[in-house]
Amino acid sequence: MGKFEKGNPGRPKGAKNKINTQMRDLIQSLFDNNYQTIQEDLEALEPKDRLKFLSDLLPYLLPKLQSTTHSQELNFDSMTEEELDILIDRITNE
């Protein structure tokens, strides 16, 4: 079965993109091999420029976090006094 033939399932779900992996490894290697120079250059930057530099590179060094939402609704009218007390206790102690 050829690369673009019908029926080819393509890359398996969860498989890493080789180019992105190679680029991440190159950037990590660059930082590892030039840590002292990069640290000195960072210290010479203004704080806002330092933060911009770091925030621009973080996506290449760390995986992006998935945002999550909690959609469960609570029906307080159907809860007993004891359940409400437990809920209040959990909220105030966390």
N, C-alpha and C. Protein backbone atom coordinates (compact mmCIF):
# COMPACT_ATOMS: atom_id res chain seq x y z
N MET A 1 0.85 -1.17 0.00
CA MET A 1 0.00 0.00 0.00
C MET A 1 0.90 1.24 0.00
N GLY A 2 0.64 2.15 -0.94
CA GLY A 2 1.44 3.35 -1.07
C GLY A 2 1.11 4.40 -0.02
N LYS A 3 1.93 5.42 -0.01
CA LYS A 3 1.83 6.46 1.00
C LYS A 3 0.47 7.16 1.00
N PHE A 4 -0.07 7.47 -0.17
CA PHE A 4 -1.32 8.22 -0.25
C PHE A 4 -2.46 7.43 -0.88
N GLU A 5 -2.37 6.11 -0.83
CA GLU A 5 -3.43 5.29 -1.40
C GLU A 5 -4.62 5.21 -0.47
N LYS A 6 -5.79 5.01 -1.07
CA LYS A 6 -7.02 4.88 -0.30
C LYS A 6 -6.91 3.65 0.62
N GLY A 7 -7.33 3.82 1.86
CA GLY A 7 -7.26 2.72 2.82
C GLY A 7 -6.05 2.79 3.73
N ASN A 8 -5.09 3.66 3.40
CA ASN A 8 -3.92 3.83 4.26
C ASN A 8 -4.38 4.60 5.50
N PRO A 9 -4.24 4.02 6.69
CA PRO A 9 -4.75 4.68 7.89
C PRO A 9 -3.94 5.90 8.32
N GLY A 10 -2.76 6.10 7.78
CA GLY A 10 -1.95 7.25 8.15
C GLY A 10 -1.21 7.02 9.46
N ARG A 11 -0.79 8.12 10.05
CA ARG A 11 -0.03 8.04 11.29
C ARG A 11 -0.95 7.62 12.43
N PRO A 12 -0.50 6.70 13.27
CA PRO A 12 -1.33 6.25 14.39
C PRO A 12 -1.62 7.40 15.36
N LYS A 13 -2.77 7.35 16.00
CA LYS A 13 -3.15 8.37 16.97
C LYS A 13 -2.12 8.42 18.09
N GLY A 14 -1.67 9.62 18.44
CA GLY A 14 -0.70 9.80 19.51
C GLY A 14 0.75 9.73 19.06
N ALA A 15 0.98 9.38 17.77
CA ALA A 15 2.36 9.30 17.27
C ALA A 15 2.94 10.71 17.20
N LYS A 16 4.20 10.85 17.53
CA LYS A 16 4.87 12.14 17.54
C LYS A 16 5.28 12.53 16.13
N ASN A 17 5.20 13.82 15.84
CA ASN A 17 5.67 14.36 14.57
C ASN A 17 7.20 14.40 14.63
N LYS A 18 7.87 13.74 13.69
CA LYS A 18 9.33 13.62 13.71
C LYS A 18 10.02 14.99 13.64
N ILE A 19 9.51 15.87 12.80
CA ILE A 19 10.13 17.19 12.62
C ILE A 19 10.05 17.98 13.93
N ASN A 20 8.87 18.01 14.57
CA ASN A 20 8.73 18.73 15.83
C ASN A 20 9.63 18.15 16.91
N THR A 21 9.73 16.83 16.96
CA THR A 21 10.59 16.17 17.94
C THR A 21 12.05 16.54 17.70
N GLN A 22 12.47 16.52 16.44
CA GLN A 22 13.85 16.88 16.11
C GLN A 22 14.13 18.34 16.46
N MET A 23 13.18 19.22 16.16
CA MET A 23 13.36 20.64 16.46
C MET A 23 13.44 20.87 17.97
N ARG A 24 12.59 20.20 18.72
CA ARG A 24 12.64 20.31 20.18
C ARG A 24 13.99 19.83 20.71
N ASP A 25 14.47 18.73 20.18
CA ASP A 25 15.76 18.20 20.61
C ASP A 25 16.90 19.16 20.28
N LEU A 26 16.84 19.78 19.09
CA LEU A 26 17.87 20.75 18.70
C LEU A 26 17.86 21.97 19.62
N ILE A 27 16.68 22.49 19.92
CA ILE A 27 16.58 23.65 20.81
C ILE A 27 17.06 23.29 22.21
N GLN A 28 16.68 22.11 22.68
CA GLN A 28 17.13 21.68 24.01
C GLN A 28 18.64 21.54 24.04
N SER A 29 19.22 20.97 22.98
CA SER A 29 20.66 20.82 22.88
C SER A 29 21.35 22.18 22.85
N LEU A 30 20.77 23.13 22.11
CA LEU A 30 21.31 24.48 22.05
C LEU A 30 21.36 25.10 23.45
N PHE A 31 20.29 24.94 24.20
CA PHE A 31 20.26 25.48 25.56
C PHE A 31 21.26 24.75 26.46
N ASP A 32 21.32 23.46 26.35
CA ASP A 32 22.23 22.69 27.19
C ASP A 32 23.70 23.06 26.94
N ASN A 33 24.05 23.25 25.66
CA ASN A 33 25.43 23.52 25.29
C ASN A 33 25.84 24.98 25.47
N ASN A 34 24.87 25.87 25.59
CA ASN A 34 25.17 27.30 25.69
C ASN A 34 24.52 27.94 26.90
N TYR A 35 24.32 27.17 27.94
CA TYR A 35 23.58 27.64 29.10
C TYR A 35 24.18 28.92 29.70
N GLN A 36 25.48 28.94 29.91
CA GLN A 36 26.13 30.08 30.58
C GLN A 36 25.97 31.35 29.73
N THR A 37 26.21 31.24 28.44
CA THR A 37 26.09 32.41 27.55
C THR A 37 24.66 32.91 27.51
N ILE A 38 23.72 31.99 27.40
CA ILE A 38 22.30 32.39 27.37
C ILE A 38 21.91 33.04 28.68
N GLN A 39 22.39 32.51 29.79
CA GLN A 39 22.09 33.08 31.10
C GLN A 39 22.62 34.52 31.20
N GLU A 40 23.84 34.73 30.73
CA GLU A 40 24.42 36.08 30.76
C GLU A 40 23.65 37.03 29.86
N ASP A 41 23.27 36.56 28.67
CA ASP A 41 22.49 37.40 27.76
C ASP A 41 21.12 37.74 28.36
N LEU A 42 20.50 36.78 29.00
CA LEU A 42 19.21 37.02 29.63
C LEU A 42 19.31 38.07 30.74
N GLU A 43 20.35 37.98 31.52
CA GLU A 43 20.54 38.94 32.61
C GLU A 43 20.76 40.35 32.08
N ALA A 44 21.29 40.49 30.87
CA ALA A 44 21.53 41.80 30.27
C ALA A 44 20.25 42.42 29.71
N LEU A 45 19.22 41.61 29.50
CA LEU A 45 17.96 42.11 28.94
C LEU A 45 17.13 42.83 30.00
N GLU A 46 16.25 43.70 29.51
CA GLU A 46 15.25 44.32 30.38
C GLU A 46 14.28 43.22 30.82
N PRO A 47 13.67 43.35 31.99
CA PRO A 47 12.76 42.29 32.47
C PRO A 47 11.66 41.92 31.48
N LYS A 48 11.05 42.92 30.83
CA LYS A 48 9.96 42.60 29.88
C LYS A 48 10.49 41.81 28.68
N ASP A 49 11.71 42.15 28.21
CA ASP A 49 12.30 41.42 27.09
C ASP A 49 12.70 40.01 27.51
N ARG A 50 13.16 39.88 28.74
CA ARG A 50 13.53 38.56 29.28
C ARG A 50 12.31 37.65 29.33
N LEU A 51 11.19 38.18 29.82
CA LEU A 51 9.95 37.39 29.89
C LEU A 51 9.45 37.02 28.50
N LYS A 52 9.55 37.94 27.55
CA LYS A 52 9.10 37.66 26.19
C LYS A 52 9.94 36.53 25.58
N PHE A 53 11.25 36.60 25.76
CA PHE A 53 12.15 35.57 25.25
C PHE A 53 11.78 34.20 25.81
N LEU A 54 11.61 34.15 27.12
CA LEU A 54 11.29 32.87 27.76
C LEU A 54 9.91 32.36 27.34
N SER A 55 8.93 33.25 27.27
CA SER A 55 7.59 32.80 26.90
C SER A 55 7.52 32.35 25.45
N ASP A 56 8.34 32.94 24.59
CA ASP A 56 8.38 32.52 23.18
C ASP A 56 8.99 31.13 23.01
N LEU A 57 9.93 30.77 23.89
CA LEU A 57 10.61 29.48 23.75
C LEU A 57 9.95 28.35 24.54
N LEU A 58 9.18 28.67 25.55
CA LEU A 58 8.58 27.61 26.38
C LEU A 58 7.76 26.59 25.59
N PRO A 59 6.98 26.99 24.60
CA PRO A 59 6.22 25.97 23.85
C PRO A 59 7.10 24.91 23.19
N TYR A 60 8.36 25.25 22.91
CA TYR A 60 9.25 24.29 22.27
C TYR A 60 9.91 23.35 23.29
N LEU A 61 9.90 23.76 24.55
CA LEU A 61 10.59 22.98 25.58
C LEU A 61 9.64 22.20 26.46
N LEU A 62 8.42 22.67 26.63
CA LEU A 62 7.45 22.02 27.50
C LEU A 62 6.19 21.69 26.71
N PRO A 63 5.54 20.60 27.05
CA PRO A 63 4.27 20.30 26.37
C PRO A 63 3.20 21.29 26.79
N LYS A 64 2.31 21.60 25.88
CA LYS A 64 1.21 22.50 26.20
C LYS A 64 0.20 21.76 27.07
N LEU A 65 -0.32 22.47 28.04
CA LEU A 65 -1.33 21.89 28.92
C LEU A 65 -2.70 22.02 28.28
N GLN A 66 -3.50 21.02 28.45
CA GLN A 66 -4.87 21.06 27.96
C GLN A 66 -5.74 21.79 28.99
N SER A 67 -6.58 22.69 28.51
CA SER A 67 -7.48 23.34 29.44
C SER A 67 -8.66 22.41 29.69
N THR A 68 -9.15 22.44 30.89
CA THR A 68 -10.29 21.60 31.24
C THR A 68 -11.37 22.46 31.86
N THR A 69 -12.58 22.00 31.70
CA THR A 69 -13.70 22.70 32.32
C THR A 69 -14.52 21.68 33.10
N HIS A 70 -15.14 22.15 34.11
CA HIS A 70 -15.99 21.30 34.93
C HIS A 70 -17.41 21.74 34.69
N SER A 71 -18.24 20.85 34.18
CA SER A 71 -19.57 21.26 33.77
C SER A 71 -20.69 20.68 34.62
N GLN A 72 -20.35 20.00 35.70
CA GLN A 72 -21.39 19.42 36.53
C GLN A 72 -22.08 20.52 37.32
N GLU A 73 -23.40 20.52 37.28
CA GLU A 73 -24.17 21.51 38.02
C GLU A 73 -24.66 20.89 39.32
N LEU A 74 -24.70 21.70 40.33
CA LEU A 74 -25.19 21.25 41.63
C LEU A 74 -26.61 21.78 41.83
N ASN A 75 -27.46 20.91 42.30
CA ASN A 75 -28.82 21.32 42.64
C ASN A 75 -28.90 21.40 44.16
N PHE A 76 -28.73 22.59 44.69
CA PHE A 76 -28.70 22.77 46.13
C PHE A 76 -30.05 22.47 46.78
N ASP A 77 -31.13 22.66 46.02
CA ASP A 77 -32.46 22.42 46.58
C ASP A 77 -32.68 20.94 46.91
N SER A 78 -32.03 20.05 46.15
CA SER A 78 -32.24 18.62 46.38
C SER A 78 -31.25 18.04 47.38
N MET A 79 -30.30 18.85 47.86
CA MET A 79 -29.29 18.36 48.79
C MET A 79 -29.80 18.44 50.23
N THR A 80 -29.39 17.45 51.03
CA THR A 80 -29.75 17.45 52.45
C THR A 80 -28.86 18.45 53.18
N GLU A 81 -29.27 18.77 54.42
CA GLU A 81 -28.45 19.67 55.24
C GLU A 81 -27.05 19.10 55.44
N GLU A 82 -26.98 17.78 55.63
CA GLU A 82 -25.69 17.12 55.85
C GLU A 82 -24.81 17.23 54.61
N GLU A 83 -25.38 17.03 53.42
CA GLU A 83 -24.62 17.14 52.18
C GLU A 83 -24.13 18.57 51.97
N LEU A 84 -24.98 19.54 52.29
CA LEU A 84 -24.58 20.94 52.18
C LEU A 84 -23.44 21.27 53.14
N ASP A 85 -23.53 20.74 54.37
CA ASP A 85 -22.46 20.96 55.35
C ASP A 85 -21.14 20.37 54.87
N ILE A 86 -21.18 19.17 54.29
CA ILE A 86 -19.98 18.53 53.76
C ILE A 86 -19.39 19.37 52.64
N LEU A 87 -20.24 19.85 51.75
CA LEU A 87 -19.79 20.67 50.63
C LEU A 87 -19.15 21.97 51.12
N ILE A 88 -19.78 22.63 52.05
CA ILE A 88 -19.24 23.87 52.62
C ILE A 88 -17.90 23.61 53.30
N ASP A 89 -17.81 22.50 54.02
CA ASP A 89 -16.56 22.14 54.70
C ASP A 89 -15.44 21.91 53.70
N ARG A 90 -15.74 21.24 52.60
CA ARG A 90 -14.72 20.98 51.58
C ARG A 90 -14.25 22.28 50.93
N ILE A 91 -15.19 23.16 50.64
CA ILE A 91 -14.84 24.42 50.00
C ILE A 91 -13.97 25.28 50.92
N THR A 92 -14.33 25.35 52.18
CA THR A 92 -13.58 26.21 53.10
C THR A 92 -12.24 25.64 53.49
N ASN A 93 -12.06 24.34 53.39
CA ASN A 93 -10.79 23.72 53.79
C ASN A 93 -9.83 23.49 52.64
N GLU A 94 -10.22 23.81 51.44
CA GLU A 94 -9.31 23.63 50.28
C GLU A 94 -8.68 24.89 49.85
